[in-house]
């Protein structure tokens, strides 16, 4: 069974062209992955498509785990 984290990690690896080992729950998008707001926007768009949810804001989505928790919360609505 593929977890939310696994799906999101795959999207991040594809979008940012980083190694899978670089993406951990505590990974910070800006500090650890050098992702800018456009990168995060593209990641969020892919996640919205994958999980059929809407993410209204990037606010508070600093780490991979923040994004996983948000997606899990939205997916159960």
C-alpha atoms as a PDB file:
ATOM      1  CA  UNK A   1       0.000   0.000   0.000  1.00  0.00           C
ATOM      2  CA  UNK A   2       1.345   3.380  -0.990  1.00  0.00           C
ATOM      3  CA  UNK A   3       1.169   6.004   1.731  1.00  0.00           C
ATOM      4  CA  UNK A   4       0.412   9.687   1.365  1.00  0.00           C
ATOM      5  CA  UNK A   5       4.063  10.399   2.126  1.00  0.00           C
ATOM      6  CA  UNK A   6       5.240   8.036  -0.626  1.00  0.00           C
ATOM      7  CA  UNK A   7       2.989   9.658  -3.222  1.00  0.00           C
ATOM      8  CA  UNK A   8       4.014  13.160  -2.204  1.00  0.00           C
ATOM      9  CA  UNK A   9       7.691  12.170  -2.132  1.00  0.00           C
ATOM     10  CA  UNK A  10       7.422  10.888  -5.712  1.00  0.00           C
ATOM     11  CA  UNK A  11       5.867  14.186  -6.829  1.00  0.00           C
ATOM     12  CA  UNK A  12       8.591  16.216  -5.083  1.00  0.00           C
ATOM     13  CA  UNK A  13      11.385  14.072  -6.554  1.00  0.00           C
ATOM     14  CA  UNK A  14       9.895  14.447 -10.058  1.00  0.00           C
ATOM     15  CA  UNK A  15       9.270  18.200  -9.780  1.00  0.00           C
ATOM     16  CA  UNK A  16      12.537  19.207  -8.137  1.00  0.00           C
ATOM     17  CA  UNK A  17      14.774  16.552  -9.703  1.00  0.00           C
ATOM     18  CA  UNK A  18      16.232  15.575  -6.335  1.00  0.00           C
ATOM     19  CA  UNK A  19      17.265  12.208  -4.925  1.00  0.00           C
ATOM     20  CA  UNK A  20      14.606  10.244  -3.046  1.00  0.00           C
ATOM     21  CA  UNK A  21      16.909  10.153  -0.033  1.00  0.00           C
ATOM     22  CA  UNK A  22      16.727  13.967   0.166  1.00  0.00           C
ATOM     23  CA  UNK A  23      12.987  13.866   0.861  1.00  0.00           C
ATOM     24  CA  UNK A  24      12.119  12.971   4.449  1.00  0.00           C
ATOM     25  CA  UNK A  25       9.157  14.036   6.596  1.00  0.00           C
ATOM     26  CA  UNK A  26      11.244  16.730   8.294  1.00  0.00           C
ATOM     27  CA  UNK A  27      12.652  18.080   5.012  1.00  0.00           C
ATOM     28  CA  UNK A  28      12.140  21.835   4.636  1.00  0.00           C
ATOM     29  CA  UNK A  29      11.145  22.823   1.092  1.00  0.00           C
ATOM     30  CA  UNK A  30      13.065  26.086   1.016  1.00  0.00           C
ATOM     31  CA  UNK A  31      16.093  25.338   3.192  1.00  0.00           C
ATOM     32  CA  UNK A  32      16.740  21.687   2.319  1.00  0.00           C
ATOM     33  CA  UNK A  33      15.467  21.422  -1.259  1.00  0.00           C
ATOM     34  CA  UNK A  34      16.030  25.002  -2.483  1.00  0.00           C
ATOM     35  CA  UNK A  35      12.410  25.112  -3.656  1.00  0.00           C
ATOM     36  CA  UNK A  36      11.021  28.516  -4.509  1.00  0.00           C
ATOM     37  CA  UNK A  37       7.365  29.562  -4.579  1.00  0.00           C
ATOM     38  CA  UNK A  38       6.961  28.424  -8.211  1.00  0.00           C
ATOM     39  CA  UNK A  39       8.346  24.988  -7.345  1.00  0.00           C
ATOM     40  CA  UNK A  40       5.942  24.696  -4.429  1.00  0.00           C
ATOM     41  CA  UNK A  41       3.067  25.852  -6.634  1.00  0.00           C
ATOM     42  CA  UNK A  42       3.840  23.101  -9.159  1.00  0.00           C
ATOM     43  CA  UNK A  43       4.135  20.490  -6.397  1.00  0.00           C
ATOM     44  CA  UNK A  44       0.802  21.595  -4.936  1.00  0.00           C
ATOM     45  CA  UNK A  45      -0.881  21.419  -8.362  1.00  0.00           C
ATOM     46  CA  UNK A  46       0.344  17.853  -8.840  1.00  0.00           C
ATOM     47  CA  UNK A  47      -0.810  16.906  -5.340  1.00  0.00           C
ATOM     48  CA  UNK A  48      -4.242  18.425  -5.960  1.00  0.00           C
ATOM     49  CA  UNK A  49      -4.558  16.303  -9.099  1.00  0.00           C
ATOM     50  CA  UNK A  50      -3.267  13.137  -7.419  1.00  0.00           C
ATOM     51  CA  UNK A  51      -5.495  13.367  -4.341  1.00  0.00           C
ATOM     52  CA  UNK A  52      -8.460  15.244  -5.860  1.00  0.00           C
ATOM     53  CA  UNK A  53      -8.321  17.980  -3.239  1.00  0.00           C
ATOM     54  CA  UNK A  54      -7.893  21.760  -3.242  1.00  0.00           C
ATOM     55  CA  UNK A  55      -5.027  23.430  -1.413  1.00  0.00           C
ATOM     56  CA  UNK A  56      -5.935  27.105  -1.024  1.00  0.00           C
ATOM     57  CA  UNK A  57      -2.681  28.341   0.432  1.00  0.00           C
ATOM     58  CA  UNK A  58       0.973  27.504   0.789  1.00  0.00           C
ATOM     59  CA  UNK A  59       0.937  29.140   4.223  1.00  0.00           C
ATOM     60  CA  UNK A  60       2.101  26.789   6.938  1.00  0.00           C
ATOM     61  CA  UNK A  61       3.402  24.219   4.447  1.00  0.00           C
ATOM     62  CA  UNK A  62       7.070  24.451   5.354  1.00  0.00           C
ATOM     63  CA  UNK A  63       8.107  20.820   5.603  1.00  0.00           C
ATOM     64  CA  UNK A  64       7.141  17.679   3.732  1.00  0.00           C
ATOM     65  CA  UNK A  65       5.357  16.469   6.866  1.00  0.00           C
ATOM     66  CA  UNK A  66       3.264  19.679   6.972  1.00  0.00           C
ATOM     67  CA  UNK A  67       2.092  18.894   3.456  1.00  0.00           C
ATOM     68  CA  UNK A  68       1.416  15.216   4.233  1.00  0.00           C
ATOM     69  CA  UNK A  69      -0.631  16.146   7.315  1.00  0.00           C
ATOM     70  CA  UNK A  70      -2.626  18.713   5.327  1.00  0.00           C
ATOM     71  CA  UNK A  71      -3.366  16.246   2.531  1.00  0.00           C
ATOM     72  CA  UNK A  72      -4.378  13.528   4.992  1.00  0.00           C
ATOM     73  CA  UNK A  73      -6.730  15.955   6.742  1.00  0.00           C
ATOM     74  CA  UNK A  74      -8.299  17.154   3.464  1.00  0.00           C
ATOM     75  CA  UNK A  75      -8.609  13.663   2.004  1.00  0.00           C
ATOM     76  CA  UNK A  76     -10.706  12.489   4.950  1.00  0.00           C
ATOM     77  CA  UNK A  77     -13.283  15.274   4.581  1.00  0.00           C
END
